[in-house]
């Protein structure tokens, strides 16, 4: 199964495609990166860029399933609204590709990757490196976070398949 994970944002949207053959424990990174939009670009154009680039990534890497990180914010509602717009556009691109979409809270992702919901960003990134057998932690951070979302989804899908 091939999963694309999305770490949504409007300035930077991280994406990562990870593959796992059921019956095997090994995960394999297919590709990862970020979609960036300059701050001075009009907001609707930024959203269009995210949509267009994500649509091209989906067409190139052909995932079977998708996962998106849920929003978490405590204070800055302006930032949350902006990220929410980016998240919505990302979900639209995934839905238009007819991909099943799962959503995970940051706590769930940390739990799936590190085994502890209170893990910090560096712990998650080190585990992404180990789980994907990489020589170094994926950069930038948004791409590593997106890979964590994809890994979380593949682990969840594997447990769901075992329960069926």
Protein backbone atom coordinates (compact mmCIF):
# COMPACT_ATOMS: atom_id res chain seq x y z
CA UNK A 1 0.00 0.00 0.00
CA UNK A 2 1.24 3.47 -0.88
CA UNK A 3 0.17 6.37 1.34
CA UNK A 4 0.63 10.11 0.99
CA UNK A 5 0.83 12.11 4.20
CA UNK A 6 0.12 15.83 4.30
CA UNK A 7 1.30 18.37 6.89
CA UNK A 8 -0.94 21.28 5.86
CA UNK A 9 -0.08 24.96 5.78
CA UNK A 10 -0.35 27.96 3.50
CA UNK A 11 3.27 29.10 3.59
CA UNK A 12 4.61 25.53 3.60
CA UNK A 13 2.70 22.31 3.00
CA UNK A 14 4.73 19.17 3.67
CA UNK A 15 4.05 15.99 1.77
CA UNK A 16 5.51 12.49 1.91
CA UNK A 17 4.77 9.25 0.11
CA UNK A 18 5.57 6.00 1.91
CA UNK A 19 5.03 2.44 0.76
CA UNK A 20 4.56 -0.76 2.71
CA UNK A 21 3.77 -4.20 1.40
CA UNK A 22 1.33 -5.95 3.72
CA UNK A 23 2.91 -8.93 5.36
CA UNK A 24 6.19 -7.00 5.52
CA UNK A 25 7.32 -4.74 8.32
CA UNK A 26 9.63 -2.56 6.23
CA UNK A 27 8.51 0.87 5.13
CA UNK A 28 9.99 2.52 2.05
CA UNK A 29 10.06 6.21 1.33
CA UNK A 30 8.95 6.91 -2.25
CA UNK A 31 9.33 10.70 -2.25
CA UNK A 32 8.85 13.73 -0.04
CA UNK A 33 9.09 17.47 -0.14
CA UNK A 34 7.29 20.73 0.48
CA UNK A 35 5.06 23.09 -1.44
CA UNK A 36 5.96 26.68 -0.61
CA UNK A 37 4.05 29.84 -1.39
CA UNK A 38 5.60 33.31 -0.98
CA UNK A 39 3.95 35.54 1.64
CA UNK A 40 3.51 38.42 -0.82
CA UNK A 41 1.52 36.26 -3.25
CA UNK A 42 -2.25 36.93 -3.10
CA UNK A 43 -3.92 34.39 -0.83
CA UNK A 44 -6.19 32.81 -3.49
CA UNK A 45 -3.12 32.27 -5.71
CA UNK A 46 -1.29 30.61 -2.80
CA UNK A 47 -4.18 28.18 -2.38
CA UNK A 48 -4.20 27.49 -6.13
CA UNK A 49 -0.46 26.74 -6.02
CA UNK A 50 -0.97 24.23 -3.20
CA UNK A 51 -3.81 22.57 -5.10
CA UNK A 52 -1.99 22.44 -8.45
CA UNK A 53 1.29 21.14 -7.03
CA UNK A 54 -0.38 18.56 -4.84
CA UNK A 55 -2.46 17.38 -7.78
CA UNK A 56 0.75 16.90 -9.81
CA UNK A 57 2.43 15.03 -6.92
CA UNK A 58 -0.55 12.69 -6.62
CA UNK A 59 -0.51 12.03 -10.37
CA UNK A 60 3.23 11.31 -10.33
CA UNK A 61 3.39 9.05 -7.26
CA UNK A 62 -0.07 7.44 -7.43
CA UNK A 63 -0.82 6.78 -3.76
CA UNK A 64 -3.56 4.32 -2.80
CA UNK A 65 -4.63 6.27 0.26
CA UNK A 66 -4.05 9.59 1.98
CA UNK A 67 -3.76 11.04 5.47
CA UNK A 68 -3.84 14.62 6.65
CA UNK A 69 -2.82 16.03 10.01
CA UNK A 70 -5.69 17.64 11.90
CA UNK A 71 -5.31 21.22 13.03
CA UNK A 72 -4.21 22.01 16.53
CA UNK A 73 -4.05 25.55 17.80
CA UNK A 74 -4.36 27.20 21.15
CA UNK A 75 -3.96 30.94 20.68
CA UNK A 76 -3.52 32.31 17.19
CA UNK A 77 -6.88 31.92 15.45
CA UNK A 78 -5.70 33.92 12.41
CA UNK A 79 -2.95 31.40 11.75
CA UNK A 80 -5.36 28.52 12.36
CA UNK A 81 -7.82 29.89 9.82
CA UNK A 82 -5.09 30.33 7.23
CA UNK A 83 -3.77 26.80 7.81
CA UNK A 84 -7.36 25.55 7.65
CA UNK A 85 -7.72 27.01 4.17
CA UNK A 86 -4.54 25.20 3.08
CA UNK A 87 -5.76 21.99 4.68
CA UNK A 88 -9.08 22.27 2.86
CA UNK A 89 -7.40 22.77 -0.50
CA UNK A 90 -5.13 19.77 0.17
CA UNK A 91 -8.14 17.62 1.05
CA UNK A 92 -9.91 18.77 -2.12
CA UNK A 93 -6.91 17.69 -4.23
CA UNK A 94 -6.91 14.29 -2.49
CA UNK A 95 -10.68 13.90 -2.86
CA UNK A 96 -10.56 14.86 -6.54
CA UNK A 97 -8.04 12.04 -7.01
CA UNK A 98 -10.62 9.69 -5.44
CA UNK A 99 -8.29 8.81 -2.59
CA UNK A 100 -9.66 7.61 0.73
CA UNK A 101 -8.61 10.23 3.31
CA UNK A 102 -7.86 9.66 6.98
CA UNK A 103 -7.28 12.42 9.49
CA UNK A 104 -5.02 12.16 12.53
CA UNK A 105 -4.50 14.40 15.53
CA UNK A 106 -0.89 15.35 16.34
CA UNK A 107 -1.14 13.24 19.50
CA UNK A 108 -2.15 10.16 17.46
CA UNK A 109 0.74 10.67 15.05
CA UNK A 110 3.28 10.97 17.87
CA UNK A 111 1.80 7.89 19.54
CA UNK A 112 2.07 5.87 16.31
CA UNK A 113 5.63 6.99 15.52
CA UNK A 114 7.30 7.26 18.94
CA UNK A 115 4.89 5.37 21.20
CA UNK A 116 4.33 8.45 23.32
CA UNK A 117 1.80 11.20 22.59
CA UNK A 118 3.91 13.81 24.36
CA UNK A 119 6.97 13.25 22.17
CA UNK A 120 8.74 16.35 20.90
CA UNK A 121 9.36 17.21 17.25
CA UNK A 122 12.97 15.97 17.32
CA UNK A 123 11.96 12.57 18.72
CA UNK A 124 9.38 12.15 15.96
CA UNK A 125 11.89 13.15 13.29
CA UNK A 126 14.53 10.72 14.60
CA UNK A 127 11.98 7.90 14.55
CA UNK A 128 10.91 8.80 10.99
CA UNK A 129 14.58 8.47 10.00
CA UNK A 130 14.86 5.08 11.72
CA UNK A 131 11.53 3.69 10.49
CA UNK A 132 12.33 4.64 6.90
CA UNK A 133 15.95 3.48 7.12
CA UNK A 134 17.27 6.88 6.01
CA UNK A 135 20.80 8.21 6.42
CA UNK A 136 19.57 11.51 7.80
CA UNK A 137 16.44 13.20 9.07
CA UNK A 138 14.32 14.42 6.14
CA UNK A 139 14.44 18.19 5.64
CA UNK A 140 12.69 20.51 5.92
CA UNK A 141 10.73 19.72 9.09
CA UNK A 142 7.39 19.94 7.28
CA UNK A 143 8.41 17.09 4.96
CA UNK A 144 9.50 14.94 7.92
CA UNK A 145 6.17 15.69 9.60
CA UNK A 146 4.29 14.65 6.46
CA UNK A 147 6.23 11.37 6.33
CA UNK A 148 5.20 10.79 9.95
CA UNK A 149 1.55 11.28 8.95
CA UNK A 150 1.93 8.70 6.16
CA UNK A 151 3.66 6.21 8.49
CA UNK A 152 0.93 6.69 11.10
CA UNK A 153 -1.67 5.93 8.46
CA UNK A 154 0.09 2.81 7.21
CA UNK A 155 0.40 1.52 10.79
CA UNK A 156 -3.30 2.24 11.38
CA UNK A 157 -4.27 0.55 8.10
CA UNK A 158 -2.18 -2.50 9.03
CA UNK A 159 -3.92 -2.83 12.40
CA UNK A 160 -7.31 -2.36 10.76
CA UNK A 161 -6.47 -5.14 8.27
CA UNK A 162 -5.43 -7.46 11.11
CA UNK A 163 -8.74 -6.79 12.86
CA UNK A 164 -10.81 -7.63 9.76
